Amino acid sequence: MIRRSPNIWDNPAVYEVENLAVDRAGLIEATMRSIADWSDKDVLDVGCGTGFHLPRFAASARSVVGVEPHPPLAAIATRRTRRLFNTTVLNEGAADLSLADASIDVAHARWAYFFGPGSEPGLAALERVLRPGGTAFVIDNDPTTSTFGGWFRRGFPDVDPVVVEAFWIERGWSRERLGIRWDFDSREDFESVVRIELPTAVAEEVLAEHPDATGVDYAVNLWWKRF
């Protein structure tokens, strides 16, 4: 089952602003490279959205495949990468990967399909396409800490971080806790992104509580597993 992502599905232009504001220091990618460098490797980006991260991988990878189930986003990702000889975009879901068995070295899913319980079919497909020794990364919110983590708990109280943590640990995944930032160029950009990421009432509350902010501290979990 494909999980709808209203933030990017309904607001791809605003989500692009968010992508540009997330982790400008590059801590997530630096940590990933320290665990499994994708230079000259075959990379899969699951839930690639508009393809924001595909050129970053393509700059050093041997090949890159972006998988996106929502046709309008897949079309944007295809246009974005049309001049990249080593990059392909597939309009398909995480549980229905058409890639060959053992064809991928490094897989990446960032705020995509893998939120813990319910993602078992997608994880099974991921395991099938990864080569022995390949590494998968899943980047997700850590709602237990940081300013944004507090906002996330208020907006999505049904997401139980204890349950999510147990899901990954029981399946043999390791975690790196990372403290990154949202840093926007303007208050207008900041407000627009807060409003697509949080339910309306919570978004307006936090904006009122932080009237001058153009960025906040933001905690993420980088889950990873070597297969």
C-alpha atoms as a PDB file:
ATOM      1  CA  MET A   1       0.000   0.000   0.000  1.00  0.00           C
ATOM      2  CA  ILE A   2       1.321   3.431  -0.950  1.00  0.00           C
ATOM      3  CA  ARG A   3       1.269   5.963   1.871  1.00  0.00           C
ATOM      4  CA  ARG A   4       0.154   9.380   0.680  1.00  0.00           C
ATOM      5  CA  SER A   5       2.561  12.240   1.435  1.00  0.00           C
ATOM      6  CA  PRO A   6       0.469  15.425   1.362  1.00  0.00           C
ATOM      7  CA  ASN A   7       3.418  17.714   2.120  1.00  0.00           C
ATOM      8  CA  ILE A   8       5.232  17.002  -1.151  1.00  0.00           C
ATOM      9  CA  TRP A   9       2.350  15.592  -3.219  1.00  0.00           C
ATOM     10  CA  ASP A  10       0.267  18.733  -2.761  1.00  0.00           C
ATOM     11  CA  ASN A  11       3.072  21.294  -2.463  1.00  0.00           C
ATOM     12  CA  PRO A  12       6.139  20.217  -4.456  1.00  0.00           C
ATOM     13  CA  ALA A  13       7.420  23.774  -4.890  1.00  0.00           C
ATOM     14  CA  VAL A  14       7.292  24.464  -1.151  1.00  0.00           C
ATOM     15  CA  TYR A  15       8.874  21.093  -0.452  1.00  0.00           C
ATOM     16  CA  GLU A  16      11.741  22.114  -2.715  1.00  0.00           C
ATOM     17  CA  VAL A  17      12.283  25.132  -0.458  1.00  0.00           C
ATOM     18  CA  GLU A  18      12.346  22.749   2.490  1.00  0.00           C
ATOM     19  CA  ASN A  19      14.896  20.465   0.840  1.00  0.00           C
ATOM     20  CA  LEU A  20      17.186  23.438   0.323  1.00  0.00           C
ATOM     21  CA  ALA A  21      16.866  24.399   3.988  1.00  0.00           C
ATOM     22  CA  VAL A  22      17.454  20.974   5.549  1.00  0.00           C
ATOM     23  CA  ASP A  23      20.919  20.181   6.887  1.00  0.00           C
ATOM     24  CA  ARG A  24      22.867  22.814   4.994  1.00  0.00           C
ATOM     25  CA  ALA A  25      25.965  21.677   6.880  1.00  0.00           C
ATOM     26  CA  GLY A  26      25.697  18.272   5.180  1.00  0.00           C
ATOM     27  CA  LEU A  27      25.838  16.178   8.332  1.00  0.00           C
ATOM     28  CA  ILE A  28      23.440  13.501   7.088  1.00  0.00           C
ATOM     29  CA  GLU A  29      25.347  12.807   3.875  1.00  0.00           C
ATOM     30  CA  ALA A  30      28.721  12.958   5.616  1.00  0.00           C
ATOM     31  CA  THR A  31      27.556  10.382   8.156  1.00  0.00           C
ATOM     32  CA  MET A  32      26.175   8.153   5.427  1.00  0.00           C
ATOM     33  CA  ARG A  33      29.462   8.291   3.518  1.00  0.00           C
ATOM     34  CA  SER A  34      31.392   7.389   6.666  1.00  0.00           C
ATOM     35  CA  ILE A  35      29.308   4.202   6.884  1.00  0.00           C
ATOM     36  CA  ALA A  36      29.025   3.321   3.186  1.00  0.00           C
ATOM     37  CA  ASP A  37      30.483   5.521   0.466  1.00  0.00           C
ATOM     38  CA  TRP A  38      28.540   5.335  -2.805  1.00  0.00           C
ATOM     39  CA  SER A  39      31.380   6.450  -5.085  1.00  0.00           C
ATOM     40  CA  ASP A  40      31.459   4.141  -8.128  1.00  0.00           C
ATOM     41  CA  LYS A  41      28.557   2.159  -6.666  1.00  0.00           C
ATOM     42  CA  ASP A  42      24.977   1.472  -7.789  1.00  0.00           C
ATOM     43  CA  VAL A  43      22.545   3.585  -5.748  1.00  0.00           C
ATOM     44  CA  LEU A  44      18.786   3.384  -5.178  1.00  0.00           C
ATOM     45  CA  ASP A  45      16.759   6.325  -3.839  1.00  0.00           C
ATOM     46  CA  VAL A  46      13.390   5.020  -2.607  1.00  0.00           C
ATOM     47  CA  GLY A  47      10.632   7.613  -2.587  1.00  0.00           C
ATOM     48  CA  CYS A  48      12.792  10.075  -4.468  1.00  0.00           C
ATOM     49  CA  GLY A  49      10.000  12.633  -4.845  1.00  0.00           C
ATOM     50  CA  THR A  50      11.025  15.346  -7.288  1.00  0.00           C
ATOM     51  CA  GLY A  51      14.530  13.877  -7.471  1.00  0.00           C
ATOM     52  CA  PHE A  52      16.225  16.469  -5.277  1.00  0.00           C
ATOM     53  CA  HIS A  53      18.915  14.064  -4.055  1.00  0.00           C
ATOM     54  CA  LEU A  54      19.481  12.196  -7.311  1.00  0.00           C
ATOM     55  CA  PRO A  55      22.081  14.611  -8.791  1.00  0.00           C
ATOM     56  CA  ARG A  56      23.980  14.516  -5.493  1.00  0.00           C
ATOM     57  CA  PHE A  57      24.306  10.762  -5.692  1.00  0.00           C
ATOM     58  CA  ALA A  58      24.931  10.812  -9.443  1.00  0.00           C
ATOM     59  CA  ALA A  59      27.954  13.079  -9.046  1.00  0.00           C
ATOM     60  CA  SER A  60      30.041  10.155  -7.789  1.00  0.00           C
ATOM     61  CA  ALA A  61      27.954   6.975  -8.135  1.00  0.00           C
ATOM     62  CA  ARG A  62      28.270   4.518 -11.009  1.00  0.00           C
ATOM     63  CA  SER A  63      24.490   4.471 -11.463  1.00  0.00           C
ATOM     64  CA  VAL A  64      21.475   5.909  -9.677  1.00  0.00           C
ATOM     65  CA  VAL A  65      17.852   4.768  -9.735  1.00  0.00           C
ATOM     66  CA  GLY A  66      15.124   6.916  -8.234  1.00  0.00           C
ATOM     67  CA  VAL A  67      11.825   5.229  -7.405  1.00  0.00           C
ATOM     68  CA  GLU A  68       8.700   7.353  -6.906  1.00  0.00           C
ATOM     69  CA  PRO A  69       5.072   6.118  -6.851  1.00  0.00           C
ATOM     70  CA  HIS A  70       3.317   9.462  -7.433  1.00  0.00           C
ATOM     71  CA  PRO A  71       3.307  10.117 -11.209  1.00  0.00           C
ATOM     72  CA  PRO A  72       3.535  13.950 -11.085  1.00  0.00           C
ATOM     73  CA  LEU A  73       6.581  13.783  -8.818  1.00  0.00           C
ATOM     74  CA  ALA A  74       8.199  11.050 -10.885  1.00  0.00           C
ATOM     75  CA  ALA A  75       7.747  13.262 -13.962  1.00  0.00           C
ATOM     76  CA  ILE A  76       9.510  16.166 -12.217  1.00  0.00           C
ATOM     77  CA  ALA A  77      12.349  13.881 -11.143  1.00  0.00           C
ATOM     78  CA  THR A  78      12.694  12.603 -14.705  1.00  0.00           C
ATOM     79  CA  ARG A  79      12.967  16.152 -16.063  1.00  0.00           C
ATOM     80  CA  ARG A  80      15.428  17.097 -13.341  1.00  0.00           C
ATOM     81  CA  THR A  81      17.794  14.260 -14.246  1.00  0.00           C
ATOM     82  CA  ARG A  82      17.327  14.149 -18.026  1.00  0.00           C
ATOM     83  CA  ARG A  83      20.931  15.203 -18.644  1.00  0.00           C
ATOM     84  CA  LEU A  84      22.444  12.749 -16.154  1.00  0.00           C
ATOM     85  CA  PHE A  85      23.643   9.768 -18.173  1.00  0.00           C
ATOM     86  CA  ASN A  86      23.859   7.492 -15.126  1.00  0.00           C
ATOM     87  CA  THR A  87      20.418   8.196 -13.605  1.00  0.00           C
ATOM     88  CA  THR A  88      17.014   6.577 -14.150  1.00  0.00           C
ATOM     89  CA  VAL A  89      13.648   7.365 -12.565  1.00  0.00           C
ATOM     90  CA  LEU A  90      10.995   4.666 -12.178  1.00  0.00           C
ATOM     91  CA  ASN A  91       7.351   5.387 -11.415  1.00  0.00           C
ATOM     92  CA  GLU A  92       6.683   2.556  -8.971  1.00  0.00           C
ATOM     93  CA  GLY A  93       6.207   1.829  -5.287  1.00  0.00           C
ATOM     94  CA  ALA A  94       8.726   0.658  -2.724  1.00  0.00           C
ATOM     95  CA  ALA A  95       7.122  -2.766  -2.384  1.00  0.00           C
ATOM     96  CA  ASP A  96       7.053  -3.364  -6.155  1.00  0.00           C
ATOM     97  CA  LEU A  97      10.621  -2.666  -7.208  1.00  0.00           C
ATOM     98  CA  SER A  98      11.264  -3.871 -10.761  1.00  0.00           C
ATOM     99  CA  LEU A  99      15.040  -3.923 -10.249  1.00  0.00           C
ATOM    100  CA  ALA A 100      16.950  -7.167 -10.558  1.00  0.00           C
ATOM    101  CA  ASP A 101      17.914  -9.163  -7.504  1.00  0.00           C
ATOM    102  CA  ALA A 102      21.226  -8.144  -5.917  1.00  0.00           C
ATOM    103  CA  SER A 103      21.701  -5.126  -8.219  1.00  0.00           C
ATOM    104  CA  ILE A 104      22.131  -2.276  -5.692  1.00  0.00           C
ATOM    105  CA  ASP A 105      25.023  -1.357  -3.384  1.00  0.00           C
ATOM    106  CA  VAL A 106      23.547   1.570  -1.436  1.00  0.00           C
ATOM    107  CA  ALA A 107      19.865   2.358  -0.832  1.00  0.00           C
ATOM    108  CA  HIS A 108      18.498   5.617   0.594  1.00  0.00           C
ATOM    109  CA  ALA A 109      15.002   6.491   1.843  1.00  0.00           C
ATOM    110  CA  ARG A 110      14.563   9.959   3.324  1.00  0.00           C
ATOM    111  CA  TRP A 111      11.205  10.797   4.886  1.00  0.00           C
ATOM    112  CA  ALA A 112       9.721   8.386   2.376  1.00  0.00           C
ATOM    113  CA  TYR A 113       8.003   5.053   3.008  1.00  0.00           C
ATOM    114  CA  PHE A 114       9.917   3.659   5.923  1.00  0.00           C
ATOM    115  CA  PHE A 115       8.338   4.872   9.154  1.00  0.00           C
ATOM    116  CA  GLY A 116       8.499   1.525  10.949  1.00  0.00           C
ATOM    117  CA  PRO A 117       5.399  -0.671  11.326  1.00  0.00           C
ATOM    118  CA  GLY A 118       3.637  -1.136   8.013  1.00  0.00           C
ATOM    119  CA  SER A 119       6.750  -0.878   5.877  1.00  0.00           C
ATOM    120  CA  GLU A 120       7.542  -4.603   5.899  1.00  0.00           C
ATOM    121  CA  PRO A 121       6.713  -5.187   2.191  1.00  0.00           C
ATOM    122  CA  GLY A 122       8.971  -2.324   1.135  1.00  0.00           C
ATOM    123  CA  LEU A 123      11.802  -3.565   3.337  1.00  0.00           C
ATOM    124  CA  ALA A 124      11.473  -7.066   1.871  1.00  0.00           C
ATOM    125  CA  ALA A 125      11.810  -5.621  -1.625  1.00  0.00           C
ATOM    126  CA  LEU A 126      14.804  -3.597  -0.473  1.00  0.00           C
ATOM    127  CA  GLU A 127      16.537  -6.682   0.868  1.00  0.00           C
ATOM    128  CA  ARG A 128      15.936  -8.480  -2.425  1.00  0.00           C
ATOM    129  CA  VAL A 129      17.614  -5.831  -4.583  1.00  0.00           C
ATOM    130  CA  LEU A 130      20.616  -5.174  -2.322  1.00  0.00           C
ATOM    131  CA  ARG A 131      23.820  -7.029  -3.015  1.00  0.00           C
ATOM    132  CA  PRO A 132      25.489  -8.991  -0.203  1.00  0.00           C
ATOM    133  CA  GLY A 133      27.416  -6.382   1.752  1.00  0.00           C
ATOM    134  CA  GLY A 134      25.148  -3.597   0.492  1.00  0.00           C
ATOM    135  CA  THR A 135      23.898  -0.908   2.864  1.00  0.00           C
ATOM    136  CA  ALA A 136      20.477   0.652   3.302  1.00  0.00           C
ATOM    137  CA  PHE A 137      19.827   4.018   4.947  1.00  0.00           C
ATOM    138  CA  VAL A 138      16.517   5.320   6.297  1.00  0.00           C
ATOM    139  CA  ILE A 139      16.305   8.928   7.511  1.00  0.00           C
ATOM    140  CA  ASP A 140      13.363   9.764   9.739  1.00  0.00           C
ATOM    141  CA  ASN A 141      12.316  12.316  12.345  1.00  0.00           C
ATOM    142  CA  ASP A 142      13.411  11.858  15.952  1.00  0.00           C
ATOM    143  CA  PRO A 143      10.459  13.256  17.909  1.00  0.00           C
ATOM    144  CA  THR A 144      12.112  12.672  21.291  1.00  0.00           C
ATOM    145  CA  THR A 145      14.322  15.754  21.142  1.00  0.00           C
ATOM    146  CA  SER A 146      14.942  19.136  19.417  1.00  0.00           C
ATOM    147  CA  THR A 147      12.606  22.031  18.740  1.00  0.00           C
ATOM    148  CA  PHE A 148      11.142  20.445  15.634  1.00  0.00           C
ATOM    149  CA  GLY A 149      10.826  17.122  17.448  1.00  0.00           C
ATOM    150  CA  GLY A 150       8.549  18.808  19.972  1.00  0.00           C
ATOM    151  CA  TRP A 151       6.454  20.267  17.173  1.00  0.00           C
ATOM    152  CA  PHE A 152       6.233  16.848  15.540  1.00  0.00           C
ATOM    153  CA  ARG A 153       4.963  15.252  18.782  1.00  0.00           C
ATOM    154  CA  ARG A 154       2.280  17.914  19.039  1.00  0.00           C
ATOM    155  CA  GLY A 155       1.241  17.499  15.431  1.00  0.00           C
ATOM    156  CA  PHE A 156       1.386  13.717  15.220  1.00  0.00           C
ATOM    157  CA  PRO A 157       0.766  12.289  18.693  1.00  0.00           C
ATOM    158  CA  ASP A 158      -0.170   8.921  17.177  1.00  0.00           C
ATOM    159  CA  VAL A 159       3.459   8.316  16.133  1.00  0.00           C
ATOM    160  CA  ASP A 160       4.994   6.424  19.073  1.00  0.00           C
ATOM    161  CA  PRO A 161       8.797   6.766  18.986  1.00  0.00           C
ATOM    162  CA  VAL A 162       9.180   3.782  21.329  1.00  0.00           C
ATOM    163  CA  VAL A 163       7.289   1.535  18.903  1.00  0.00           C
ATOM    164  CA  VAL A 164       9.209   2.874  15.905  1.00  0.00           C
ATOM    165  CA  GLU A 165      12.565   2.375  17.628  1.00  0.00           C
ATOM    166  CA  ALA A 166      11.672  -1.191  18.606  1.00  0.00           C
ATOM    167  CA  PHE A 167      10.643  -1.955  15.011  1.00  0.00           C
ATOM    168  CA  TRP A 168      14.067  -1.090  13.616  1.00  0.00           C
ATOM    169  CA  ILE A 169      16.138  -2.577  16.416  1.00  0.00           C
ATOM    170  CA  GLU A 170      14.272  -5.891  16.278  1.00  0.00           C
ATOM    171  CA  ARG A 171      15.181  -6.116  12.589  1.00  0.00           C
ATOM    172  CA  GLY A 172      18.869  -5.542  13.162  1.00  0.00           C
ATOM    173  CA  TRP A 173      19.169  -1.903  12.101  1.00  0.00           C
ATOM    174  CA  SER A 174      21.646   0.470  13.725  1.00  0.00           C
ATOM    175  CA  ARG A 175      20.999   4.130  14.476  1.00  0.00           C
ATOM    176  CA  GLU A 176      22.938   7.362  14.349  1.00  0.00           C
ATOM    177  CA  ARG A 177      21.218  10.220  16.191  1.00  0.00           C
ATOM    178  CA  LEU A 178      21.928  13.443  14.333  1.00  0.00           C
ATOM    179  CA  GLY A 179      21.269  17.037  15.288  1.00  0.00           C
ATOM    180  CA  ILE A 180      20.733  19.057  12.137  1.00  0.00           C
ATOM    181  CA  ARG A 181      18.957  22.335  11.364  1.00  0.00           C
ATOM    182  CA  TRP A 182      16.275  23.864   9.232  1.00  0.00           C
ATOM    183  CA  ASP A 183      17.710  27.177   7.980  1.00  0.00           C
ATOM    184  CA  PHE A 184      15.612  29.245   5.586  1.00  0.00           C
ATOM    185  CA  ASP A 185      16.481  32.342   3.606  1.00  0.00           C
ATOM    186  CA  SER A 186      13.374  34.199   4.750  1.00  0.00           C
ATOM    187  CA  ARG A 187      10.567  34.161   7.275  1.00  0.00           C
ATOM    188  CA  GLU A 188       8.127  33.659   4.402  1.00  0.00           C
ATOM    189  CA  ASP A 189       9.882  30.442   3.376  1.00  0.00           C
ATOM    190  CA  PHE A 190       9.977  29.234   6.966  1.00  0.00           C
ATOM    191  CA  GLU A 191       6.253  29.814   7.457  1.00  0.00           C
ATOM    192  CA  SER A 192       5.310  28.139   4.182  1.00  0.00           C
ATOM    193  CA  VAL A 193       7.185  24.975   5.093  1.00  0.00           C
ATOM    194  CA  VAL A 194       5.893  24.810   8.667  1.00  0.00           C
ATOM    195  CA  ARG A 195       2.379  24.972   7.230  1.00  0.00           C
ATOM    196  CA  ILE A 196       2.866  21.962   4.948  1.00  0.00           C
ATOM    197  CA  GLU A 197       4.639  19.873   7.593  1.00  0.00           C
ATOM    198  CA  LEU A 198       2.265  20.298  10.544  1.00  0.00           C
ATOM    199  CA  PRO A 199      -1.517  20.209  10.952  1.00  0.00           C
ATOM    200  CA  THR A 200      -2.943  23.706  10.546  1.00  0.00           C
ATOM    201  CA  ALA A 201      -3.722  24.402  14.207  1.00  0.00           C
ATOM    202  CA  VAL A 202      -0.307  23.239  15.408  1.00  0.00           C
ATOM    203  CA  ALA A 203       1.475  25.098  12.615  1.00  0.00           C
ATOM    204  CA  GLU A 204      -0.169  28.382  13.574  1.00  0.00           C
ATOM    205  CA  GLU A 205       0.589  27.799  17.261  1.00  0.00           C
ATOM    206  CA  VAL A 206       4.304  27.195  16.730  1.00  0.00           C
ATOM    207  CA  LEU A 207       4.629  30.122  14.337  1.00  0.00           C
ATOM    208  CA  ALA A 208       3.064  32.382  16.943  1.00  0.00           C
ATOM    209  CA  GLU A 209       5.447  31.001  19.568  1.00  0.00           C
ATOM    210  CA  HIS A 210       8.481  31.716  17.356  1.00  0.00           C
ATOM    211  CA  PRO A 211       7.553  35.043  15.684  1.00  0.00           C
ATOM    212  CA  ASP A 212      11.023  35.918  14.423  1.00  0.00           C
ATOM    213  CA  ALA A 213      12.442  32.493  13.601  1.00  0.00           C
ATOM    214  CA  THR A 214      13.767  31.564  10.169  1.00  0.00           C
ATOM    215  CA  GLY A 215      15.128  28.217  11.325  1.00  0.00           C
ATOM    216  CA  VAL A 216      15.211  25.721  14.192  1.00  0.00           C
ATOM    217  CA  ASP A 217      17.201  22.796  15.512  1.00  0.00           C
ATOM    218  CA  TYR A 218      15.963  19.476  14.160  1.00  0.00           C
ATOM    219  CA  ALA A 219      16.770  15.922  15.316  1.00  0.00           C
ATOM    220  CA  VAL A 220      16.765  12.958  12.950  1.00  0.00           C
ATOM    221  CA  ASN A 221      17.410   9.255  13.199  1.00  0.00           C
ATOM    222  CA  LEU A 222      19.674   7.805  10.552  1.00  0.00           C
ATOM    223  CA  TRP A 223      18.856   4.115  10.569  1.00  0.00           C
ATOM    224  CA  TRP A 224      21.173   1.834   8.603  1.00  0.00           C
ATOM    225  CA  LYS A 225      21.769  -1.832   7.953  1.00  0.00           C
ATOM    226  CA  ARG A 226      24.403  -3.791   6.070  1.00  0.00           C
ATOM    227  CA  PHE A 227      22.992  -6.816   4.275  1.00  0.00           C
END
